[in-house]
Amino acid sequence: MWKVYKYNGRHIQGDLISKHHSETAAMKKAKKTINFKFSEREKRKNEILIWLDDDNHMPIGVIVHELKGTKRIRQGKKKE
């Protein structure tokens, strides 16, 4: 799930604007509501961040996508 956040005067990840299933839909919504000029994509261990900046490269929003790893849990009895 891609989440679009807008700077609220205190935190960059302040106000949740919208949630989307695709990155392109999130970018379109951010362009309409936040009106950013520059974007920078950063991939971390468990999430993808797209920083949204204005003309002076000041951050005014962020798009967050949490990566979900698949964990396999074995169910059954342990042999003793």
PDB file of N, CA and C in Angstrom:
ATOM      1  N   MET A   1       0.844  -1.171   0.000  1.00  0.00           N
ATOM      2  CA  MET A   1       0.000   0.000   0.000  1.00  0.00           C
ATOM      3  C   MET A   1       0.894   1.240   0.000  1.00  0.00           C
ATOM      4  N   TRP A   2       0.662   2.122  -0.944  1.00  0.00           N
ATOM      5  CA  TRP A   2       1.394   3.375  -1.067  1.00  0.00           C
ATOM      6  C   TRP A   2       0.609   4.461  -0.341  1.00  0.00           C
ATOM      7  N   LYS A   3       1.241   5.156   0.602  1.00  0.00           N
ATOM      8  CA  LYS A   3       0.584   6.191   1.387  1.00  0.00           C
ATOM      9  C   LYS A   3       1.229   7.538   1.100  1.00  0.00           C
ATOM     10  N   VAL A   4       0.394   8.543   0.830  1.00  0.00           N
ATOM     11  CA  VAL A   4       0.865   9.892   0.518  1.00  0.00           C
ATOM     12  C   VAL A   4       0.667  10.769   1.749  1.00  0.00           C
ATOM     13  N   TYR A   5       1.751  11.372   2.230  1.00  0.00           N
ATOM     14  CA  TYR A   5       1.713  12.244   3.395  1.00  0.00           C
ATOM     15  C   TYR A   5       2.135  13.653   3.004  1.00  0.00           C
ATOM     16  N   LYS A   6       1.543  14.642   3.675  1.00  0.00           N
ATOM     17  CA  LYS A   6       1.845  16.054   3.418  1.00  0.00           C
ATOM     18  C   LYS A   6       2.407  16.687   4.689  1.00  0.00           C
ATOM     19  N   TYR A   7       3.344  17.600   4.524  1.00  0.00           N
ATOM     20  CA  TYR A   7       3.938  18.338   5.637  1.00  0.00           C
ATOM     21  C   TYR A   7       2.856  19.166   6.326  1.00  0.00           C
ATOM     22  N   ASN A   8       2.767  19.070   7.656  1.00  0.00           N
ATOM     23  CA  ASN A   8       1.714  19.778   8.387  1.00  0.00           C
ATOM     24  C   ASN A   8       2.253  20.926   9.240  1.00  0.00           C
ATOM     25  N   GLY A   9       3.471  21.370   8.980  1.00  0.00           N
ATOM     26  CA  GLY A   9       4.062  22.449   9.768  1.00  0.00           C
ATOM     27  C   GLY A   9       4.937  21.949  10.893  1.00  0.00           C
ATOM     28  N   ARG A  10       4.805  20.675  11.208  1.00  0.00           N
ATOM     29  CA  ARG A  10       5.609  20.108  12.287  1.00  0.00           C
ATOM     30  C   ARG A  10       6.369  18.861  11.834  1.00  0.00           C
ATOM     31  N   HIS A  11       5.683  17.972  11.109  1.00  0.00           N
ATOM     32  CA  HIS A  11       6.291  16.729  10.642  1.00  0.00           C
ATOM     33  C   HIS A  11       6.112  16.603   9.139  1.00  0.00           C
ATOM     34  N   ILE A  12       7.129  16.068   8.464  1.00  0.00           N
ATOM     35  CA  ILE A  12       7.018  15.849   7.025  1.00  0.00           C
ATOM     36  C   ILE A  12       5.999  14.757   6.751  1.00  0.00           C
ATOM     37  N   GLN A  13       5.989  13.715   7.567  1.00  0.00           N
ATOM     38  CA  GLN A  13       4.995  12.656   7.447  1.00  0.00           C
ATOM     39  C   GLN A  13       3.840  12.994   8.390  1.00  0.00           C
ATOM     40  N   GLY A  14       3.236  14.156   8.170  1.00  0.00           N
ATOM     41  CA  GLY A  14       2.232  14.677   9.083  1.00  0.00           C
ATOM     42  C   GLY A  14       0.818  14.256   8.764  1.00  0.00           C
ATOM     43  N   ASP A  15       0.234  14.787   7.686  1.00  0.00           N
ATOM     44  CA  ASP A  15      -1.162  14.522   7.355  1.00  0.00           C
ATOM     45  C   ASP A  15      -1.254  13.479   6.249  1.00  0.00           C
ATOM     46  N   LEU A  16      -2.022  12.423   6.503  1.00  0.00           N
ATOM     47  CA  LEU A  16      -2.250  11.398   5.492  1.00  0.00           C
ATOM     48  C   LEU A  16      -3.229  11.943   4.459  1.00  0.00           C
ATOM     49  N   ILE A  17      -2.796  11.995   3.201  1.00  0.00           N
ATOM     50  CA  ILE A  17      -3.640  12.497   2.115  1.00  0.00           C
ATOM     51  C   ILE A  17      -4.456  11.369   1.521  1.00  0.00           C
ATOM     52  N   SER A  18      -3.789  10.251   1.136  1.00  0.00           N
ATOM     53  CA  SER A  18      -4.496   9.147   0.500  1.00  0.00           C
ATOM     54  C   SER A  18      -3.670   7.870   0.541  1.00  0.00           C
ATOM     55  N   LYS A  19      -4.327   6.746   0.207  1.00  0.00           N
ATOM     56  CA  LYS A  19      -3.699   5.429   0.094  1.00  0.00           C
ATOM     57  C   LYS A  19      -3.978   4.894  -1.306  1.00  0.00           C
ATOM     58  N   HIS A  20      -2.979   4.227  -1.897  1.00  0.00           N
ATOM     59  CA  HIS A  20      -3.119   3.719  -3.259  1.00  0.00           C
ATOM     60  C   HIS A  20      -2.478   2.347  -3.374  1.00  0.00           C
ATOM     61  N   HIS A  21      -2.911   1.591  -4.394  1.00  0.00           N
ATOM     62  CA  HIS A  21      -2.348   0.276  -4.643  1.00  0.00           C
ATOM     63  C   HIS A  21      -1.163   0.326  -5.602  1.00  0.00           C
ATOM     64  N   SER A  22      -0.990   1.431  -6.327  1.00  0.00           N
ATOM     65  CA  SER A  22       0.128   1.534  -7.259  1.00  0.00           C
ATOM     66  C   SER A  22       0.913   2.822  -7.021  1.00  0.00           C
ATOM     67  N   GLU A  23       2.171   2.788  -7.420  1.00  0.00           N
ATOM     68  CA  GLU A  23       3.045   3.945  -7.247  1.00  0.00           C
ATOM     69  C   GLU A  23       2.621   5.094  -8.155  1.00  0.00           C
ATOM     70  N   THR A  24       2.182   4.781  -9.368  1.00  0.00           N
ATOM     71  CA  THR A  24       1.792   5.835 -10.310  1.00  0.00           C
ATOM     72  C   THR A  24       0.562   6.592  -9.826  1.00  0.00           C
ATOM     73  N   ALA A  25      -0.387   5.887  -9.237  1.00  0.00           N
ATOM     74  CA  ALA A  25      -1.577   6.547  -8.699  1.00  0.00           C
ATOM     75  C   ALA A  25      -1.208   7.452  -7.527  1.00  0.00           C
ATOM     76  N   ALA A  26      -0.287   7.009  -6.696  1.00  0.00           N
ATOM     77  CA  ALA A  26       0.162   7.821  -5.563  1.00  0.00           C
ATOM     78  C   ALA A  26       0.885   9.073  -6.043  1.00  0.00           C
ATOM     79  N   MET A  27       1.704   8.940  -7.090  1.00  0.00           N
ATOM     80  CA  MET A  27       2.424  10.093  -7.630  1.00  0.00           C
ATOM     81  C   MET A  27       1.455  11.105  -8.255  1.00  0.00           C
ATOM     82  N   LYS A  28       0.422  10.631  -8.930  1.00  0.00           N
ATOM     83  CA  LYS A  28      -0.571  11.533  -9.537  1.00  0.00           C
ATOM     84  C   LYS A  28      -1.317  12.314  -8.460  1.00  0.00           C
ATOM     85  N   LYS A  29      -1.713  11.636  -7.397  1.00  0.00           N
ATOM     86  CA  LYS A  29      -2.420  12.301  -6.301  1.00  0.00           C
ATOM     87  C   LYS A  29      -1.526  13.313  -5.605  1.00  0.00           C
ATOM     88  N   ALA A  30      -0.256  12.967  -5.410  1.00  0.00           N
ATOM     89  CA  ALA A  30       0.687  13.892  -4.782  1.00  0.00           C
ATOM     90  C   ALA A  30       0.916  15.114  -5.657  1.00  0.00           C
ATOM     91  N   LYS A  31       0.982  14.920  -6.952  1.00  0.00           N
ATOM     92  CA  LYS A  31       1.196  16.046  -7.867  1.00  0.00           C
ATOM     93  C   LYS A  31       0.007  17.009  -7.814  1.00  0.00           C
ATOM     94  N   LYS A  32      -1.212  16.461  -7.699  1.00  0.00           N
ATOM     95  CA  LYS A  32      -2.412  17.305  -7.613  1.00  0.00           C
ATOM     96  C   LYS A  32      -2.499  18.069  -6.300  1.00  0.00           C
ATOM     97  N   THR A  33      -2.284  17.388  -5.192  1.00  0.00           N
ATOM     98  CA  THR A  33      -2.535  17.999  -3.885  1.00  0.00           C
ATOM     99  C   THR A  33      -1.327  18.739  -3.315  1.00  0.00           C
ATOM    100  N   ILE A  34      -0.126  18.197  -3.490  1.00  0.00           N
ATOM    101  CA  ILE A  34       1.064  18.794  -2.880  1.00  0.00           C
ATOM    102  C   ILE A  34       1.772  19.736  -3.841  1.00  0.00           C
ATOM    103  N   ASN A  35       1.717  19.446  -5.133  1.00  0.00           N
ATOM    104  CA  ASN A  35       2.349  20.267  -6.174  1.00  0.00           C
ATOM    105  C   ASN A  35       3.851  20.406  -5.940  1.00  0.00           C
ATOM    106  N   PHE A  36       4.548  19.270  -5.891  1.00  0.00           N
ATOM    107  CA  PHE A  36       5.994  19.246  -5.687  1.00  0.00           C
ATOM    108  C   PHE A  36       6.724  19.455  -7.015  1.00  0.00           C
ATOM    109  N   LYS A  37       7.988  19.830  -6.944  1.00  0.00           N
ATOM    110  CA  LYS A  37       8.807  20.047  -8.140  1.00  0.00           C
ATOM    111  C   LYS A  37       9.861  18.963  -8.323  1.00  0.00           C
ATOM    112  N   PHE A  38      10.396  18.426  -7.226  1.00  0.00           N
ATOM    113  CA  PHE A  38      11.433  17.408  -7.293  1.00  0.00           C
ATOM    114  C   PHE A  38      11.040  16.210  -6.444  1.00  0.00           C
ATOM    115  N   SER A  39      11.471  15.034  -6.868  1.00  0.00           N
ATOM    116  CA  SER A  39      11.229  13.830  -6.079  1.00  0.00           C
ATOM    117  C   SER A  39      12.490  12.981  -6.069  1.00  0.00           C
ATOM    118  N   GLU A  40      12.713  12.304  -4.958  1.00  0.00           N
ATOM    119  CA  GLU A  40      13.886  11.442  -4.803  1.00  0.00           C
ATOM    120  C   GLU A  40      13.438  10.130  -4.172  1.00  0.00           C
ATOM    121  N   ARG A  41      13.746   9.032  -4.850  1.00  0.00           N
ATOM    122  CA  ARG A  41      13.348   7.706  -4.390  1.00  0.00           C
ATOM    123  C   ARG A  41      14.476   7.099  -3.555  1.00  0.00           C
ATOM    124  N   GLU A  42      14.109   6.563  -2.387  1.00  0.00           N
ATOM    125  CA  GLU A  42      15.078   5.957  -1.481  1.00  0.00           C
ATOM    126  C   GLU A  42      14.544   4.596  -1.059  1.00  0.00           C
ATOM    127  N   LYS A  43      15.353   3.568  -1.226  1.00  0.00           N
ATOM    128  CA  LYS A  43      14.936   2.226  -0.841  1.00  0.00           C
ATOM    129  C   LYS A  43      15.705   1.813   0.402  1.00  0.00           C
ATOM    130  N   ARG A  44      14.963   1.486   1.433  1.00  0.00           N
ATOM    131  CA  ARG A  44      15.559   1.021   2.680  1.00  0.00           C
ATOM    132  C   ARG A  44      15.308  -0.478   2.806  1.00  0.00           C
ATOM    133  N   LYS A  45      15.675  -1.026   3.926  1.00  0.00           N
ATOM    134  CA  LYS A  45      15.557  -2.466   4.125  1.00  0.00           C
ATOM    135  C   LYS A  45      14.119  -2.966   4.015  1.00  0.00           C
ATOM    136  N   ASN A  46      13.189  -2.262   4.650  1.00  0.00           N
ATOM    137  CA  ASN A  46      11.813  -2.745   4.682  1.00  0.00           C
ATOM    138  C   ASN A  46      10.793  -1.733   4.156  1.00  0.00           C
ATOM    139  N   GLU A  47      11.254  -0.692   3.463  1.00  0.00           N
ATOM    140  CA  GLU A  47      10.315   0.291   2.921  1.00  0.00           C
ATOM    141  C   GLU A  47      10.925   1.069   1.770  1.00  0.00           C
ATOM    142  N   ILE A  48      10.064   1.655   0.959  1.00  0.00           N
ATOM    143  CA  ILE A  48      10.472   2.549  -0.118  1.00  0.00           C
ATOM    144  C   ILE A  48       9.910   3.922   0.217  1.00  0.00           C
ATOM    145  N   LEU A  49      10.770   4.949   0.174  1.00  0.00           N
ATOM    146  CA  LEU A  49      10.365   6.319   0.450  1.00  0.00           C
ATOM    147  C   LEU A  49      10.587   7.157  -0.799  1.00  0.00           C
ATOM    148  N   ILE A  50       9.613   7.974  -1.148  1.00  0.00           N
ATOM    149  CA  ILE A  50       9.767   8.938  -2.229  1.00  0.00           C
ATOM    150  C   ILE A  50       9.580  10.309  -1.604  1.00  0.00           C
ATOM    151  N   TRP A  51      10.688  11.048  -1.481  1.00  0.00           N
ATOM    152  CA  TRP A  51      10.662  12.369  -0.863  1.00  0.00           C
ATOM    153  C   TRP A  51      10.196  13.384  -1.898  1.00  0.00           C
ATOM    154  N   LEU A  52       9.276  14.260  -1.517  1.00  0.00           N
ATOM    155  CA  LEU A  52       8.715  15.277  -2.400  1.00  0.00           C
ATOM    156  C   LEU A  52       9.206  16.644  -1.944  1.00  0.00           C
ATOM    157  N   ASP A  53       9.868  17.379  -2.843  1.00  0.00           N
ATOM    158  CA  ASP A  53      10.490  18.662  -2.500  1.00  0.00           C
ATOM    159  C   ASP A  53       9.900  19.790  -3.346  1.00  0.00           C
ATOM    160  N   ASP A  54       9.998  21.023  -2.812  1.00  0.00           N
ATOM    161  CA  ASP A  54       9.542  22.200  -3.559  1.00  0.00           C
ATOM    162  C   ASP A  54      10.682  22.776  -4.393  1.00  0.00           C
ATOM    163  N   ASP A  55      10.524  24.002  -4.871  1.00  0.00           N
ATOM    164  CA  ASP A  55      11.539  24.647  -5.725  1.00  0.00           C
ATOM    165  C   ASP A  55      12.894  24.781  -5.042  1.00  0.00           C
ATOM    166  N   ASN A  56      12.900  25.019  -3.744  1.00  0.00           N
ATOM    167  CA  ASN A  56      14.135  25.226  -2.983  1.00  0.00           C
ATOM    168  C   ASN A  56      14.675  23.931  -2.388  1.00  0.00           C
ATOM    169  N   HIS A  57      14.166  22.792  -2.837  1.00  0.00           N
ATOM    170  CA  HIS A  57      14.547  21.467  -2.342  1.00  0.00           C
ATOM    171  C   HIS A  57      14.241  21.284  -0.858  1.00  0.00           C
ATOM    172  N   MET A  58      13.224  21.965  -0.374  1.00  0.00           N
ATOM    173  CA  MET A  58      12.752  21.766   0.994  1.00  0.00           C
ATOM    174  C   MET A  58      11.688  20.671   0.960  1.00  0.00           C
ATOM    175  N   PRO A  59      11.755  19.678   1.852  1.00  0.00           N
ATOM    176  CA  PRO A  59      10.775  18.599   1.837  1.00  0.00           C
ATOM    177  C   PRO A  59       9.381  19.093   2.226  1.00  0.00           C
ATOM    178  N   ILE A  60       8.389  18.735   1.407  1.00  0.00           N
ATOM    179  CA  ILE A  60       7.001  19.132   1.680  1.00  0.00           C
ATOM    180  C   ILE A  60       6.066  17.935   1.730  1.00  0.00           C
ATOM    181  N   GLY A  61       6.608  16.738   1.551  1.00  0.00           N
ATOM    182  CA  GLY A  61       5.782  15.550   1.613  1.00  0.00           C
ATOM    183  C   GLY A  61       6.600  14.300   1.368  1.00  0.00           C
ATOM    184  N   VAL A  62       5.953  13.151   1.548  1.00  0.00           N
ATOM    185  CA  VAL A  62       6.628  11.871   1.343  1.00  0.00           C
ATOM    186  C   VAL A  62       5.586  10.824   0.952  1.00  0.00           C
ATOM    187  N   ILE A  63       6.008   9.892   0.115  1.00  0.00           N
ATOM    188  CA  ILE A  63       5.188   8.734  -0.235  1.00  0.00           C
ATOM    189  C   ILE A  63       5.895   7.524   0.354  1.00  0.00           C
ATOM    190  N   VAL A  64       5.167   6.719   1.120  1.00  0.00           N
ATOM    191  CA  VAL A  64       5.754   5.587   1.841  1.00  0.00           C
ATOM    192  C   VAL A  64       5.120   4.298   1.354  1.00  0.00           C
ATOM    193  N   HIS A  65       5.968   3.295   1.113  1.00  0.00           N
ATOM    194  CA  HIS A  65       5.492   1.957   0.764  1.00  0.00           C
ATOM    195  C   HIS A  65       6.259   0.957   1.610  1.00  0.00           C
ATOM    196  N   GLU A  66       5.540   0.251   2.482  1.00  0.00           N
ATOM    197  CA  GLU A  66       6.191  -0.742   3.339  1.00  0.00           C
ATOM    198  C   GLU A  66       6.257  -2.067   2.604  1.00  0.00           C
ATOM    199  N   LEU A  67       7.457  -2.627   2.548  1.00  0.00           N
ATOM    200  CA  LEU A  67       7.654  -3.914   1.894  1.00  0.00           C
ATOM    201  C   LEU A  67       7.335  -5.012   2.887  1.00  0.00           C
ATOM    202  N   LYS A  68       6.590  -5.970   2.432  1.00  0.00           N
ATOM    203  CA  LYS A  68       6.218  -7.083   3.305  1.00  0.00           C
ATOM    204  C   LYS A  68       7.008  -8.304   2.887  1.00  0.00           C
ATOM    205  N   GLY A  69       7.788  -8.804   3.781  1.00  0.00           N
ATOM    206  CA  GLY A  69       8.531 -10.028   3.525  1.00  0.00           C
ATOM    207  C   GLY A  69       7.662 -11.232   3.829  1.00  0.00           C
ATOM    208  N   THR A  70       7.901 -12.299   3.124  1.00  0.00           N
ATOM    209  CA  THR A  70       7.124 -13.507   3.389  1.00  0.00           C
ATOM    210  C   THR A  70       7.879 -14.353   4.401  1.00  0.00           C
ATOM    211  N   LYS A  71       7.190 -14.741   5.428  1.00  0.00           N
ATOM    212  CA  LYS A  71       7.775 -15.585   6.449  1.00  0.00           C
ATOM    213  C   LYS A  71       7.061 -16.932   6.405  1.00  0.00           C
ATOM    214  N   ARG A  72       7.838 -17.970   6.380  1.00  0.00           N
ATOM    215  CA  ARG A  72       7.263 -19.306   6.397  1.00  0.00           C
ATOM    216  C   ARG A  72       7.301 -19.845   7.805  1.00  0.00           C
ATOM    217  N   ILE A  73       6.191 -20.247   8.264  1.00  0.00           N
ATOM    218  CA  ILE A  73       6.118 -20.844   9.588  1.00  0.00           C
ATOM    219  C   ILE A  73       5.743 -22.308   9.402  1.00  0.00           C
ATOM    220  N   ARG A  74       6.562 -23.167   9.909  1.00  0.00           N
ATOM    221  CA  ARG A  74       6.273 -24.588   9.802  1.00  0.00           C
ATOM    222  C   ARG A  74       5.311 -24.969  10.905  1.00  0.00           C
ATOM    223  N   GLN A  75       4.263 -25.607  10.493  1.00  0.00           N
ATOM    224  CA  GLN A  75       3.303 -26.073  11.473  1.00  0.00           C
ATOM    225  C   GLN A  75       3.365 -27.586  11.512  1.00  0.00           C
ATOM    226  N   GLY A  76       3.277 -28.087  12.647  1.00  0.00           N
ATOM    227  CA  GLY A  76       3.345 -29.540  12.809  1.00  0.00           C
ATOM    228  C   GLY A  76       4.048 -29.890  14.101  1.00  0.00           C
ATOM    229  N   LYS A  77       4.067 -31.152  14.361  1.00  0.00           N
ATOM    230  CA  LYS A  77       4.685 -31.610  15.609  1.00  0.00           C
ATOM    231  C   LYS A  77       6.178 -31.776  15.417  1.00  0.00           C
ATOM    232  N   LYS A  78       6.898 -31.447  16.463  1.00  0.00           N
ATOM    233  CA  LYS A  78       8.327 -31.645  16.476  1.00  0.00           C
ATOM    234  C   LYS A  78       8.616 -33.096  16.808  1.00  0.00           C
ATOM    235  N   LYS A  79       9.568 -33.661  16.096  1.00  0.00           N
ATOM    236  CA  LYS A  79       9.970 -35.024  16.418  1.00  0.00           C
ATOM    237  C   LYS A  79      10.958 -34.973  17.562  1.00  0.00           C
ATOM    238  N   GLU A  80      10.743 -35.806  18.511  1.00  0.00           N
ATOM    239  CA  GLU A  80      11.635 -35.806  19.675  1.00  0.00           C
ATOM    240  C   GLU A  80      12.440 -37.055  19.720  1.00  0.00           C
TER     241      GLU A  80
END
